[in-house]
N, C-alpha and C. Protein backbone atom coordinates (compact mmCIF):
# COMPACT_ATOMS: atom_id res chain seq x y z
N MET A 1 37.12 -14.92 -28.88
CA MET A 1 37.30 -13.67 -29.25
C MET A 1 35.93 -12.72 -28.15
N GLN A 2 36.56 -11.80 -28.29
CA GLN A 2 35.69 -10.57 -27.43
C GLN A 2 35.07 -9.55 -28.12
N SER A 3 33.73 -9.46 -28.46
CA SER A 3 32.89 -8.71 -28.97
C SER A 3 33.15 -7.06 -28.54
N ASP A 4 32.98 -5.97 -29.19
CA ASP A 4 32.60 -4.73 -28.79
C ASP A 4 31.87 -4.40 -27.93
N THR A 5 32.40 -4.16 -26.64
CA THR A 5 32.46 -3.72 -25.37
C THR A 5 31.88 -2.36 -24.92
N LEU A 6 30.52 -2.34 -24.27
CA LEU A 6 30.62 -0.59 -23.81
C LEU A 6 30.36 -0.87 -22.52
N TYR A 7 31.27 0.20 -22.05
CA TYR A 7 31.67 0.39 -20.62
C TYR A 7 30.94 1.62 -19.60
N ILE A 8 29.95 1.54 -19.50
CA ILE A 8 29.13 2.89 -19.09
C ILE A 8 29.96 3.10 -16.81
N TYR A 9 29.77 4.24 -16.68
CA TYR A 9 30.52 4.82 -15.46
C TYR A 9 29.09 5.80 -14.85
N ASP A 10 29.77 5.84 -13.68
CA ASP A 10 28.70 6.37 -13.00
C ASP A 10 29.44 7.96 -12.19
N GLY A 11 28.85 8.21 -13.39
CA GLY A 11 30.77 9.54 -12.70
C GLY A 11 31.02 10.34 -13.88
N PRO A 12 32.21 11.50 -13.78
CA PRO A 12 32.78 12.06 -15.28
C PRO A 12 33.67 11.57 -15.92
N ASN A 13 34.39 10.53 -15.26
CA ASN A 13 35.13 9.75 -15.86
C ASN A 13 35.58 8.19 -15.83
N THR A 14 36.62 7.62 -16.27
CA THR A 14 36.06 6.04 -16.07
C THR A 14 36.61 5.53 -15.43
N SER A 15 37.01 6.89 -14.35
CA SER A 15 37.56 6.35 -12.88
C SER A 15 36.17 5.64 -11.60
N SER A 16 35.30 6.91 -12.12
CA SER A 16 33.78 7.12 -11.19
C SER A 16 33.44 4.81 -11.45
N PRO A 17 32.70 4.82 -10.69
CA PRO A 17 31.92 3.89 -10.09
C PRO A 17 31.26 3.02 -11.36
N LEU A 18 31.53 1.09 -12.35
CA LEU A 18 31.20 0.85 -13.40
C LEU A 18 29.84 0.48 -12.76
N ILE A 19 28.84 0.96 -13.60
CA ILE A 19 27.61 1.27 -13.67
C ILE A 19 27.06 -0.78 -14.34
N GLY A 20 28.01 -0.92 -15.49
CA GLY A 20 28.32 -2.70 -16.10
C GLY A 20 28.82 -2.41 -17.36
N LYS A 21 29.22 -3.58 -18.06
CA LYS A 21 29.69 -3.18 -18.88
C LYS A 21 28.47 -4.24 -20.00
N TYR A 22 28.67 -4.02 -22.02
CA TYR A 22 27.08 -4.29 -22.59
C TYR A 22 28.08 -4.94 -24.24
N ASN A 23 28.00 -6.11 -23.89
CA ASN A 23 28.03 -6.35 -26.03
C ASN A 23 27.22 -7.69 -26.22
N ASN A 24 27.00 -8.23 -26.52
CA ASN A 24 25.80 -9.20 -27.05
C ASN A 24 26.64 -10.88 -26.21
N ASP A 25 27.39 -10.55 -25.85
CA ASP A 25 27.85 -11.95 -25.07
C ASP A 25 27.77 -11.73 -23.70
N LEU A 26 27.46 -10.49 -23.02
CA LEU A 26 27.24 -9.97 -21.50
C LEU A 26 25.80 -10.11 -21.41
N ILE A 27 25.25 -8.70 -21.94
CA ILE A 27 23.80 -8.15 -21.15
C ILE A 27 23.58 -7.86 -23.24
N PRO A 28 22.94 -9.46 -24.01
CA PRO A 28 22.57 -8.75 -24.98
C PRO A 28 20.54 -7.56 -25.24
N SER A 29 20.45 -7.77 -24.01
CA SER A 29 18.93 -6.85 -23.82
C SER A 29 19.09 -6.25 -23.47
N LEU A 30 20.38 -5.27 -23.81
CA LEU A 30 20.60 -3.72 -23.64
C LEU A 30 19.44 -2.39 -24.46
N ASN A 31 19.32 -3.34 -25.43
CA ASN A 31 18.49 -2.23 -26.28
C ASN A 31 17.36 -1.78 -25.70
N LEU A 32 17.23 -0.24 -25.41
CA LEU A 32 15.93 0.55 -24.76
C LEU A 32 16.11 0.10 -23.21
N MET A 33 16.95 -0.57 -22.39
CA MET A 33 17.06 -0.70 -21.08
C MET A 33 17.79 0.53 -20.81
N PRO A 34 16.72 1.16 -20.02
CA PRO A 34 17.56 2.89 -19.37
C PRO A 34 18.87 2.12 -18.10
N ILE A 35 19.40 3.46 -18.57
CA ILE A 35 20.68 3.78 -17.30
C ILE A 35 20.71 4.88 -16.75
N ASN A 36 20.96 5.01 -15.73
CA ASN A 36 20.51 6.32 -14.69
C ASN A 36 21.57 6.56 -13.93
N ALA A 37 21.78 7.64 -13.80
CA ALA A 37 23.09 8.23 -12.75
C ALA A 37 22.47 7.89 -11.09
N SER A 38 23.37 7.39 -10.29
CA SER A 38 23.22 7.30 -9.02
C SER A 38 22.35 8.45 -7.97
N LEU A 39 22.28 7.95 -7.16
CA LEU A 39 21.54 9.43 -6.28
C LEU A 39 22.61 9.76 -5.82
N THR A 40 23.37 9.34 -5.43
CA THR A 40 25.10 9.64 -4.75
C THR A 40 26.27 9.90 -6.10
N ASN A 41 25.42 10.24 -6.95
CA ASN A 41 26.56 10.95 -7.97
C ASN A 41 25.80 12.65 -8.26
N ASN A 42 26.55 13.22 -7.69
CA ASN A 42 26.43 14.73 -7.04
C ASN A 42 26.58 15.48 -8.74
N THR A 43 27.08 15.28 -9.49
CA THR A 43 27.51 15.81 -11.28
C THR A 43 26.38 15.03 -12.21
N GLY A 44 25.30 14.12 -12.29
CA GLY A 44 24.39 13.50 -12.64
C GLY A 44 25.26 13.39 -14.08
N CYS A 45 26.20 13.00 -13.95
CA CYS A 45 27.05 12.67 -15.71
C CYS A 45 27.34 11.25 -15.61
N LEU A 46 26.91 10.69 -16.13
CA LEU A 46 27.58 9.41 -17.11
C LEU A 46 29.17 9.26 -18.35
N THR A 47 29.36 8.57 -18.12
CA THR A 47 30.88 8.40 -18.81
C THR A 47 30.53 7.15 -19.67
N VAL A 48 30.55 7.19 -20.90
CA VAL A 48 30.37 5.68 -22.21
C VAL A 48 31.89 5.84 -22.17
N HIS A 49 32.44 4.33 -22.43
CA HIS A 49 33.70 3.96 -23.05
C HIS A 49 33.73 3.11 -23.88
N PHE A 50 33.61 3.14 -25.29
CA PHE A 50 33.36 1.50 -25.93
C PHE A 50 34.62 1.75 -26.82
N VAL A 51 34.74 0.34 -26.40
CA VAL A 51 35.93 -0.99 -26.91
C VAL A 51 35.52 -1.37 -27.77
N SER A 52 36.35 -1.65 -28.75
CA SER A 52 35.97 -2.12 -30.21
C SER A 52 36.84 -3.52 -29.91
N ASP A 53 36.52 -4.84 -31.13
CA ASP A 53 37.64 -5.80 -30.91
C ASP A 53 38.24 -5.63 -31.73
N GLY A 54 38.60 -4.73 -32.92
CA GLY A 54 40.02 -4.45 -33.65
C GLY A 54 39.76 -5.72 -34.74
N SER A 55 38.46 -6.46 -34.70
CA SER A 55 39.14 -7.14 -35.97
C SER A 55 37.65 -7.49 -36.81
N SER A 56 36.30 -6.87 -36.72
CA SER A 56 35.11 -6.98 -37.59
C SER A 56 34.51 -5.40 -37.23
N GLU A 57 33.66 -4.83 -38.30
CA GLU A 57 33.15 -3.55 -38.00
C GLU A 57 31.68 -3.99 -38.17
N SER A 58 30.46 -2.82 -38.02
CA SER A 58 29.18 -3.10 -37.95
C SER A 58 29.18 -1.61 -37.22
N ASP A 59 27.50 -1.77 -37.12
CA ASP A 59 27.07 -0.33 -36.97
C ASP A 59 27.56 -0.02 -35.94
N GLY A 60 27.61 -0.26 -34.78
CA GLY A 60 28.05 0.33 -33.97
C GLY A 60 26.85 0.66 -32.89
N TRP A 61 26.31 1.59 -32.48
CA TRP A 61 25.75 1.82 -31.38
C TRP A 61 25.13 3.20 -30.63
N HIS A 62 24.16 3.73 -30.53
CA HIS A 62 23.45 5.06 -30.34
C HIS A 62 22.65 4.83 -29.08
N ALA A 63 22.13 6.35 -28.66
CA ALA A 63 21.44 6.28 -27.61
C ALA A 63 20.84 7.10 -27.19
N THR A 64 19.55 7.91 -26.65
CA THR A 64 19.06 8.46 -26.14
C THR A 64 19.29 9.58 -24.82
N ILE A 65 19.55 10.65 -24.91
CA ILE A 65 20.10 11.24 -23.38
C ILE A 65 18.83 11.82 -23.33
N SER A 66 18.21 11.72 -21.74
CA SER A 66 17.24 13.04 -21.36
C SER A 66 17.78 13.00 -19.89
N CYS A 67 17.09 14.13 -19.76
CA CYS A 67 17.38 14.75 -18.07
C CYS A 67 15.71 14.29 -17.42
N HIS A 68 15.95 14.09 -16.06
CA HIS A 68 14.70 13.96 -15.43
C HIS A 68 15.25 14.64 -13.88
N GLN A 69 13.62 15.08 -13.09
CA GLN A 69 13.77 14.74 -11.82
C GLN A 69 13.78 13.77 -11.05
N VAL A 70 15.80 13.87 -10.13
CA VAL A 70 15.75 13.16 -9.34
C VAL A 70 14.77 12.99 -8.07
N CYS A 71 14.23 11.55 -7.57
CA CYS A 71 13.20 11.13 -6.72
C CYS A 71 13.82 10.55 -5.41
N GLN A 72 13.88 10.78 -4.15
CA GLN A 72 14.13 10.24 -3.48
C GLN A 72 13.13 9.37 -2.71
N GLU A 73 13.23 8.38 -2.37
CA GLU A 73 11.73 7.78 -1.73
C GLU A 73 11.24 8.22 -0.96
N VAL A 74 10.28 7.58 -1.20
CA VAL A 74 8.86 8.01 0.10
C VAL A 74 7.58 6.97 0.08
N LEU A 75 7.59 6.88 1.70
CA LEU A 75 7.28 5.60 2.18
C LEU A 75 5.68 6.23 2.34
N ALA A 76 4.58 5.67 2.07
CA ALA A 76 3.94 5.63 2.96
C ALA A 76 3.25 5.15 4.11
N ASN A 77 2.80 5.43 5.26
CA ASN A 77 2.43 4.73 6.59
C ASN A 77 1.16 4.77 7.23
N LEU A 78 0.64 3.94 7.47
CA LEU A 78 -1.01 4.27 8.39
C LEU A 78 -0.25 4.24 10.02
N ASN A 79 -0.68 5.01 10.58
CA ASN A 79 -0.26 5.14 12.21
C ASN A 79 -1.63 4.00 12.78
N SER A 80 -1.37 3.42 13.24
CA SER A 80 -1.79 2.35 13.75
C SER A 80 -2.75 2.41 15.06
N ILE A 81 -1.50 2.88 15.79
CA ILE A 81 -2.01 3.69 17.49
C ILE A 81 -3.21 4.40 17.07
N LEU A 82 -2.83 5.89 16.13
CA LEU A 82 -3.98 7.25 16.29
C LEU A 82 -5.09 6.66 15.26
N THR A 83 -4.86 6.24 13.97
CA THR A 83 -5.89 5.48 13.48
C THR A 83 -7.31 5.03 14.33
N ILE A 84 -8.63 5.29 14.30
CA ILE A 84 -9.70 5.03 15.19
C ILE A 84 -10.84 4.63 14.19
N PRO A 85 -11.30 3.45 14.34
CA PRO A 85 -10.88 1.78 14.97
C PRO A 85 -9.46 2.03 14.78
N SER A 86 -8.56 1.18 15.88
CA SER A 86 -7.65 0.81 15.32
C SER A 86 -7.49 -0.63 14.29
N PRO A 87 -6.35 -0.77 13.11
CA PRO A 87 -7.05 -1.94 12.66
C PRO A 87 -6.35 -3.33 13.08
N ASP A 88 -6.79 -4.12 12.84
CA ASP A 88 -6.66 -5.54 13.63
C ASP A 88 -5.80 -6.49 12.59
N THR A 89 -4.39 -6.66 12.66
CA THR A 89 -3.80 -7.39 11.53
C THR A 89 -4.32 -6.69 10.06
N GLY A 90 -4.27 -5.16 10.01
CA GLY A 90 -4.58 -4.97 8.41
C GLY A 90 -6.29 -4.74 8.16
N TYR A 91 -6.91 -5.19 9.36
CA TYR A 91 -8.46 -5.21 9.31
C TYR A 91 -9.58 -4.27 9.83
N ILE A 92 -10.24 -3.37 9.57
CA ILE A 92 -10.59 -2.27 10.33
C ILE A 92 -12.62 -3.09 10.01
N ALA A 93 -13.12 -3.02 11.21
CA ALA A 93 -14.40 -3.55 11.21
C ALA A 93 -15.07 -2.63 11.57
N ILE A 94 -15.90 -1.93 11.36
CA ILE A 94 -17.09 -1.14 11.28
C ILE A 94 -18.81 -1.38 10.90
N CYS A 95 -19.77 -0.91 11.59
CA CYS A 95 -20.75 -0.51 11.14
C CYS A 95 -21.25 0.25 10.51
N PRO A 96 -21.91 -0.32 8.75
CA PRO A 96 -22.33 0.99 7.68
C PRO A 96 -23.27 2.08 8.31
N GLY A 97 -22.15 3.37 8.05
CA GLY A 97 -22.47 5.00 9.25
C GLY A 97 -21.45 5.11 9.89
N SER A 98 -20.86 4.43 10.24
CA SER A 98 -19.53 4.41 11.09
C SER A 98 -18.97 5.21 10.53
N SER A 99 -17.25 6.27 11.33
CA SER A 99 -16.47 6.93 11.09
C SER A 99 -15.04 6.66 10.97
N ILE A 100 -14.26 6.27 10.72
CA ILE A 100 -12.99 6.41 11.20
C ILE A 100 -11.81 7.50 11.19
N HIS A 101 -11.30 7.17 11.83
CA HIS A 101 -10.87 8.96 11.97
C HIS A 101 -8.86 8.19 11.32
N PHE A 102 -8.87 8.89 10.02
CA PHE A 102 -7.63 7.91 9.77
C PHE A 102 -6.28 8.57 9.96
N VAL A 103 -4.76 7.94 10.27
CA VAL A 103 -3.99 9.19 10.57
C VAL A 103 -2.80 8.91 9.69
N GLY A 104 -2.34 9.52 8.73
CA GLY A 104 -0.65 8.30 7.79
C GLY A 104 -0.25 9.35 8.32
N ASN A 105 1.35 8.96 7.86
CA ASN A 105 2.77 9.94 8.42
C ASN A 105 3.61 8.79 7.39
N SER A 106 4.85 9.49 6.86
CA SER A 106 5.07 8.93 6.03
C SER A 106 7.07 8.90 6.27
N THR A 107 7.91 8.42 6.07
CA THR A 107 9.19 7.99 5.73
C THR A 107 9.51 8.81 4.60
N TYR A 108 11.12 8.83 4.72
CA TYR A 108 12.19 8.81 3.68
C TYR A 108 13.21 8.43 3.89
N PRO A 109 13.95 7.54 3.75
CA PRO A 109 14.49 6.87 3.99
C PRO A 109 16.23 7.59 3.32
N GLN A 110 15.72 8.30 2.03
CA GLN A 110 17.40 8.63 1.20
C GLN A 110 16.97 10.40 1.27
N ASN A 111 16.34 11.51 2.56
CA ASN A 111 15.93 12.22 2.44
C ASN A 111 17.86 13.22 2.85
N ASN A 112 17.92 13.91 2.11
CA ASN A 112 19.03 14.64 2.31
C ASN A 112 19.73 14.54 1.63
N MET A 113 20.19 13.32 1.14
CA MET A 113 21.24 12.92 0.45
C MET A 113 21.07 13.52 -1.11
N VAL A 114 19.79 14.45 -1.80
CA VAL A 114 19.95 15.04 -2.98
C VAL A 114 18.76 16.21 -2.53
N TYR A 115 18.28 16.17 -1.81
CA TYR A 115 16.92 17.71 -1.33
C TYR A 115 16.15 16.85 0.13
N ASN A 116 15.66 17.90 0.60
CA ASN A 116 15.04 17.94 1.57
C ASN A 116 13.52 17.52 2.04
N GLN A 117 13.20 16.60 2.60
CA GLN A 117 11.64 16.32 2.47
C GLN A 117 11.33 16.06 3.65
N ASN A 118 10.37 16.28 3.97
CA ASN A 118 9.33 16.37 4.95
C ASN A 118 8.06 16.57 4.93
N ASP A 119 7.36 16.22 5.59
CA ASP A 119 5.55 15.80 5.62
C ASP A 119 5.06 17.29 5.84
N ASN A 120 5.59 18.39 6.05
CA ASN A 120 4.91 19.74 6.04
C ASN A 120 4.99 20.55 4.42
N THR A 121 6.16 19.61 3.78
CA THR A 121 5.87 20.34 1.84
C THR A 121 5.72 19.11 1.16
N SER A 122 5.02 17.46 1.93
CA SER A 122 4.73 16.34 1.21
C SER A 122 2.53 16.98 1.09
N VAL A 123 2.16 16.08 0.05
CA VAL A 123 0.52 16.22 0.17
C VAL A 123 0.60 14.57 0.43
N TYR A 124 -0.52 14.44 1.21
CA TYR A 124 -1.57 13.01 0.78
C TYR A 124 -2.87 13.10 0.43
N ASN A 125 -2.88 12.04 -0.22
CA ASN A 125 -3.91 11.65 -1.25
C ASN A 125 -4.83 10.12 -0.46
N TRP A 126 -6.01 10.49 0.09
CA TRP A 126 -6.58 8.99 0.59
C TRP A 126 -7.34 8.64 -0.40
N TYR A 127 -7.11 7.37 -0.85
CA TYR A 127 -8.35 6.96 -2.08
C TYR A 127 -8.42 5.71 -0.54
N PHE A 128 -10.34 5.88 -0.59
CA PHE A 128 -10.91 4.86 0.46
C PHE A 128 -11.65 3.86 -0.30
N GLY A 129 -11.77 3.65 -1.41
CA GLY A 129 -12.28 2.57 -2.22
C GLY A 129 -13.47 2.43 -2.77
N ASP A 130 -14.90 3.34 -1.77
CA ASP A 130 -15.83 3.32 -2.39
C ASP A 130 -15.93 5.17 -3.18
N GLY A 131 -14.48 5.47 -4.08
CA GLY A 131 -15.09 6.28 -5.00
C GLY A 131 -15.15 7.42 -4.24
N SER A 132 -14.25 7.71 -3.02
CA SER A 132 -14.43 8.99 -1.93
C SER A 132 -13.03 8.62 -2.16
N THR A 133 -12.35 10.37 -1.91
CA THR A 133 -11.27 10.68 -1.90
C THR A 133 -10.89 11.68 -0.61
N ALA A 134 -9.64 11.97 0.28
CA ALA A 134 -9.61 13.06 0.90
C ALA A 134 -8.46 13.73 0.85
N THR A 135 -7.52 14.27 1.40
CA THR A 135 -6.49 15.39 1.54
C THR A 135 -6.03 15.47 2.60
N GLY A 136 -5.16 15.59 3.04
CA GLY A 136 -4.31 15.76 4.41
C GLY A 136 -3.99 14.31 5.49
N SER A 137 -2.58 14.43 6.13
CA SER A 137 -2.03 13.54 7.10
C SER A 137 -2.98 12.86 7.63
N VAL A 138 -4.10 13.81 8.37
CA VAL A 138 -5.55 13.29 8.98
C VAL A 138 -6.35 13.56 8.30
N VAL A 139 -7.62 12.35 8.25
CA VAL A 139 -8.98 12.69 8.08
C VAL A 139 -10.02 11.61 8.63
N ASP A 140 -10.78 11.80 8.05
CA ASP A 140 -12.07 10.85 8.43
C ASP A 140 -13.03 10.66 7.59
N HIS A 141 -13.79 9.32 7.46
CA HIS A 141 -14.63 8.60 6.34
C HIS A 141 -15.43 8.18 6.95
N THR A 142 -16.42 8.19 6.55
CA THR A 142 -17.72 7.60 7.36
C THR A 142 -18.20 6.72 5.26
N TYR A 143 -18.16 5.32 5.89
CA TYR A 143 -18.40 4.52 4.80
C TYR A 143 -20.27 3.83 5.33
N ALA A 144 -21.35 4.20 3.67
CA ALA A 144 -22.01 4.15 4.05
C ALA A 144 -23.20 2.67 3.57
N GLN A 145 -22.36 1.90 2.88
CA GLN A 145 -23.11 0.51 2.44
C GLN A 145 -21.84 -0.19 3.58
N ALA A 146 -22.58 -1.71 3.64
CA ALA A 146 -21.93 -2.58 4.01
C ALA A 146 -20.91 -3.29 2.74
N GLY A 147 -20.11 -3.65 3.28
CA GLY A 147 -19.12 -3.96 1.97
C GLY A 147 -17.60 -4.57 2.07
N GLY A 148 -16.53 -4.87 1.52
CA GLY A 148 -14.96 -4.50 1.95
C GLY A 148 -14.51 -3.62 1.21
N TYR A 149 -13.63 -3.27 1.52
CA TYR A 149 -12.84 -1.87 1.19
C TYR A 149 -11.57 -2.25 1.07
N THR A 150 -11.12 -1.17 0.16
CA THR A 150 -9.11 -1.50 0.11
C THR A 150 -8.91 -0.21 0.48
N VAL A 151 -8.09 0.84 0.96
CA VAL A 151 -7.77 1.49 1.28
C VAL A 151 -6.14 2.44 1.10
N TYR A 152 -6.28 2.84 0.50
CA TYR A 152 -4.84 3.66 -0.21
C TYR A 152 -4.46 4.71 0.23
N LEU A 153 -3.30 4.97 0.22
CA LEU A 153 -2.32 6.14 0.80
C LEU A 153 -1.01 6.53 -0.14
N GLU A 154 -1.21 7.29 -0.82
CA GLU A 154 -0.30 8.09 -1.10
C GLU A 154 0.25 9.50 -1.28
N ILE A 155 1.21 9.93 -0.98
CA ILE A 155 1.74 10.86 -0.47
C ILE A 155 3.31 11.09 -1.43
N THR A 156 3.23 12.49 -1.75
CA THR A 156 3.41 13.11 -3.05
C THR A 156 5.02 14.35 -2.24
N ASP A 157 5.59 14.14 -2.37
CA ASP A 157 7.06 14.99 -1.61
C ASP A 157 7.04 15.90 -2.30
N ILE A 158 7.54 17.15 -2.39
CA ILE A 158 8.08 18.81 -2.72
C ILE A 158 8.66 18.94 -4.39
N HIS A 159 9.05 17.46 -4.67
CA HIS A 159 9.98 17.17 -6.22
C HIS A 159 8.86 16.33 -6.55
N GLY A 160 7.56 16.59 -6.38
CA GLY A 160 6.41 15.47 -7.09
C GLY A 160 6.74 13.84 -7.28
N CYS A 161 7.75 13.55 -6.49
CA CYS A 161 8.09 12.10 -6.17
C CYS A 161 7.01 11.30 -5.62
N THR A 162 6.29 10.10 -5.92
CA THR A 162 5.30 9.76 -5.16
C THR A 162 5.61 8.51 -4.79
N SER A 163 5.15 8.12 -3.10
CA SER A 163 4.75 6.09 -2.88
C SER A 163 4.36 5.82 -3.11
N THR A 164 4.81 4.31 -3.57
CA THR A 164 4.34 3.33 -4.44
C THR A 164 4.07 2.60 -3.64
N ASN A 165 4.38 2.33 -2.40
CA ASN A 165 3.75 1.02 -1.24
C ASN A 165 2.35 1.39 -0.91
N SER A 166 1.92 -0.09 -0.20
CA SER A 166 0.92 0.05 -0.06
C SER A 166 0.78 0.03 1.50
N ILE A 167 -0.05 0.84 2.27
CA ILE A 167 -0.12 0.65 3.77
C ILE A 167 -1.25 -0.46 4.03
N ASP A 168 -1.38 -1.56 2.70
CA ASP A 168 -2.10 -2.77 3.34
C ASP A 168 -3.03 -2.61 4.83
N THR A 169 -4.20 -1.95 4.15
CA THR A 169 -5.32 -1.31 4.95
C THR A 169 -6.96 -2.14 4.11
N ARG A 170 -7.83 -2.46 4.98
CA ARG A 170 -8.93 -3.56 4.34
C ARG A 170 -9.80 -2.72 5.17
N VAL A 171 -10.67 -2.41 5.01
CA VAL A 171 -12.41 -2.07 6.14
C VAL A 171 -13.14 -3.26 5.47
N ILE A 172 -13.91 -3.55 6.68
CA ILE A 172 -15.00 -4.14 6.71
C ILE A 172 -16.28 -3.52 7.05
N THR A 173 -17.48 -3.28 6.25
CA THR A 173 -18.40 -2.71 6.82
C THR A 173 -19.06 -4.08 7.37
N ALA A 174 -20.10 -4.48 7.91
CA ALA A 174 -20.71 -5.66 8.05
C ALA A 174 -22.65 -4.95 8.42
N GLY A 175 -23.16 -5.31 7.73
CA GLY A 175 -24.45 -5.30 7.64
C GLY A 175 -25.27 -6.13 9.18
N ASN A 176 -26.49 -5.42 9.56
CA ASN A 176 -27.10 -6.70 10.25
C ASN A 176 -27.58 -8.11 10.67
N PRO A 177 -26.64 -8.67 10.68
CA PRO A 177 -26.89 -10.67 10.57
C PRO A 177 -28.79 -10.77 10.65
N PHE A 178 -28.82 -9.89 11.75
CA PHE A 178 -30.54 -10.48 12.19
C PHE A 178 -31.55 -10.43 11.39
N HIS A 179 -32.08 -10.79 10.19
CA HIS A 179 -33.21 -10.93 9.54
C HIS A 179 -34.73 -11.79 10.36
N ASP A 180 -36.00 -11.37 10.35
CA ASP A 180 -37.16 -11.69 10.75
C ASP A 180 -37.03 -12.03 11.64
N ILE A 181 -36.78 -11.49 12.64
CA ILE A 181 -36.95 -11.48 13.84
C ILE A 181 -38.66 -11.60 14.37
N VAL A 182 -38.63 -12.45 14.70
CA VAL A 182 -40.36 -12.41 15.96
C VAL A 182 -40.73 -12.41 16.98
N ALA A 183 -41.06 -11.64 18.01
CA ALA A 183 -40.39 -11.36 19.06
C ALA A 183 -41.30 -13.28 19.61
N PRO A 184 -41.02 -13.59 20.81
CA PRO A 184 -41.50 -14.92 21.54
C PRO A 184 -42.71 -14.02 22.15
N SER A 185 -43.84 -15.51 22.21
CA SER A 185 -44.84 -15.67 23.25
C SER A 185 -44.17 -14.98 24.56
N ASP A 186 -44.87 -14.48 25.63
CA ASP A 186 -44.96 -14.40 26.17
C ASP A 186 -44.54 -15.50 27.58
N ILE A 187 -43.07 -15.00 28.57
CA ILE A 187 -42.37 -16.19 29.17
C ILE A 187 -42.26 -15.78 30.51
N CYS A 188 -43.03 -16.64 31.50
CA CYS A 188 -43.53 -16.54 32.60
C CYS A 188 -42.34 -17.61 33.65
N ALA A 189 -42.86 -17.03 34.47
CA ALA A 189 -41.84 -18.45 35.72
C ALA A 189 -42.13 -19.78 35.75
N ASN A 190 -41.19 -20.27 35.09
CA ASN A 190 -40.74 -21.34 35.46
C ASN A 190 -41.20 -22.17 33.53
N ASP A 191 -41.20 -21.28 32.89
CA ASP A 191 -42.05 -21.52 31.33
C ASP A 191 -40.22 -21.63 31.05
N THR A 192 -40.37 -22.33 29.57
CA THR A 192 -39.10 -22.33 28.92
C THR A 192 -39.97 -22.37 27.28
N THR A 193 -38.92 -21.86 26.64
CA THR A 193 -39.23 -21.22 25.32
C THR A 193 -37.66 -21.68 24.33
N ASP A 194 -37.86 -21.86 23.07
CA ASP A 194 -36.48 -21.99 22.19
C ASP A 194 -36.79 -21.18 21.64
N ILE A 195 -35.27 -20.26 20.95
CA ILE A 195 -35.10 -19.61 20.11
C ILE A 195 -34.24 -20.50 19.07
N ILE A 196 -34.85 -20.27 17.93
CA ILE A 196 -34.19 -21.13 16.22
C ILE A 196 -33.16 -19.90 15.28
N PHE A 197 -32.33 -20.26 15.84
CA PHE A 197 -31.11 -19.48 14.81
C PHE A 197 -31.02 -19.47 13.53
N ALA A 198 -30.98 -19.36 12.24
CA ALA A 198 -31.18 -19.62 10.87
C ALA A 198 -29.70 -19.81 10.30
N SER A 199 -30.01 -21.17 10.39
CA SER A 199 -29.04 -22.28 10.67
C SER A 199 -29.08 -23.21 9.67
N GLY A 200 -30.62 -23.70 8.85
CA GLY A 200 -30.37 -24.86 8.65
C GLY A 200 -31.96 -24.93 9.50
N GLY A 201 -32.26 -24.13 10.44
CA GLY A 201 -33.34 -24.30 11.46
C GLY A 201 -32.97 -24.89 12.17
N THR A 202 -32.11 -25.38 13.03
CA THR A 202 -31.09 -26.03 13.84
C THR A 202 -31.48 -25.11 14.96
N LEU A 203 -31.50 -25.61 16.55
CA LEU A 203 -31.52 -25.22 17.23
C LEU A 203 -30.44 -24.78 17.71
N GLY A 204 -31.07 -23.24 18.28
CA GLY A 204 -29.83 -22.40 18.44
C GLY A 204 -29.23 -22.20 20.00
N ALA A 205 -30.55 -21.90 20.79
CA ALA A 205 -30.33 -22.06 21.57
C ALA A 205 -31.98 -21.64 22.84
N VAL A 206 -31.54 -22.31 23.79
CA VAL A 206 -32.77 -22.55 25.06
C VAL A 206 -32.71 -21.69 26.21
N ILE A 207 -33.67 -20.76 26.46
CA ILE A 207 -34.18 -20.10 27.54
C ILE A 207 -34.98 -20.61 28.23
N THR A 208 -34.54 -20.42 30.03
CA THR A 208 -35.42 -21.03 30.67
C THR A 208 -35.52 -20.21 31.54
N GLY A 209 -36.70 -20.36 32.46
CA GLY A 209 -36.96 -18.82 33.21
C GLY A 209 -37.21 -20.05 34.81
N ASP A 210 -37.26 -19.38 35.49
CA ASP A 210 -37.63 -19.90 36.56
C ASP A 210 -37.72 -18.21 38.12
N PRO A 211 -38.75 -18.34 38.92
CA PRO A 211 -38.90 -17.29 40.19
C PRO A 211 -37.94 -16.40 40.09
N TYR A 212 -36.13 -17.22 39.95
CA TYR A 212 -35.47 -16.69 40.92
C TYR A 212 -34.40 -15.82 39.98
N HIS A 213 -33.93 -16.73 38.83
CA HIS A 213 -33.21 -16.54 37.68
C HIS A 213 -33.63 -17.01 35.78
N GLU A 214 -32.60 -16.84 35.58
CA GLU A 214 -32.64 -16.84 33.87
C GLU A 214 -31.25 -17.20 33.07
N VAL A 215 -31.40 -18.55 32.53
CA VAL A 215 -30.58 -19.69 32.02
C VAL A 215 -30.99 -19.82 30.87
N ILE A 216 -29.23 -19.20 29.96
CA ILE A 216 -29.27 -18.75 28.66
C ILE A 216 -27.82 -20.10 28.25
N ASP A 217 -28.79 -21.15 27.67
CA ASP A 217 -27.75 -21.96 27.08
C ASP A 217 -27.34 -22.06 25.60
N VAL A 218 -26.64 -21.87 25.38
CA VAL A 218 -25.86 -21.77 24.16
C VAL A 218 -25.21 -22.44 23.04
N SER A 219 -25.27 -23.52 23.80
CA SER A 219 -24.79 -24.71 23.05
C SER A 219 -25.68 -25.03 21.86
N LEU A 220 -24.61 -25.30 20.32
CA LEU A 220 -25.42 -25.93 19.47
C LEU A 220 -25.88 -27.44 19.26
């Protein structure tokens, strides 16, 4: 025997597209589950059709109706061509104190389905991962400390709807890898000297000189 069933339609009558039908057998978790009109529903109306099984009585159902701003999708993008230095597979490597020229843009897959979206009416907010922020589609930022940082770009359109996607950009600032370098003694023609790199004291390179040329062997 079929339970009481609730039919919800995306429009002003039962000839509108069916969003779904709900009862204890079909979808028992309807409680607190939001049902929204679609972007293509110009009326914003929903039609609810309740069908009783005709054999038993219960408490029935209730719902809370609310209106909210319709949001069209907003996608944030990093322009990898105009961004300097350009990211390499999502990473930008710089030295501390160097500046990055970030250029962002946005994509509006549902533009003009309900309202018009464009870059002139959208707000660009950058979060650089080091506690600093900036506003604008084109910004410059300098990282003072060595480390790794995730860059976020959030775009808000004219109706206050924001992008939720990630631009997948990481900044790596590396410090000087050379420490405690001591100048070697004077090298004259035909002399040979060893340079030891910090890898457990293992020989890393040999510089050999003669009256006519200098040879660098970097074999390990």
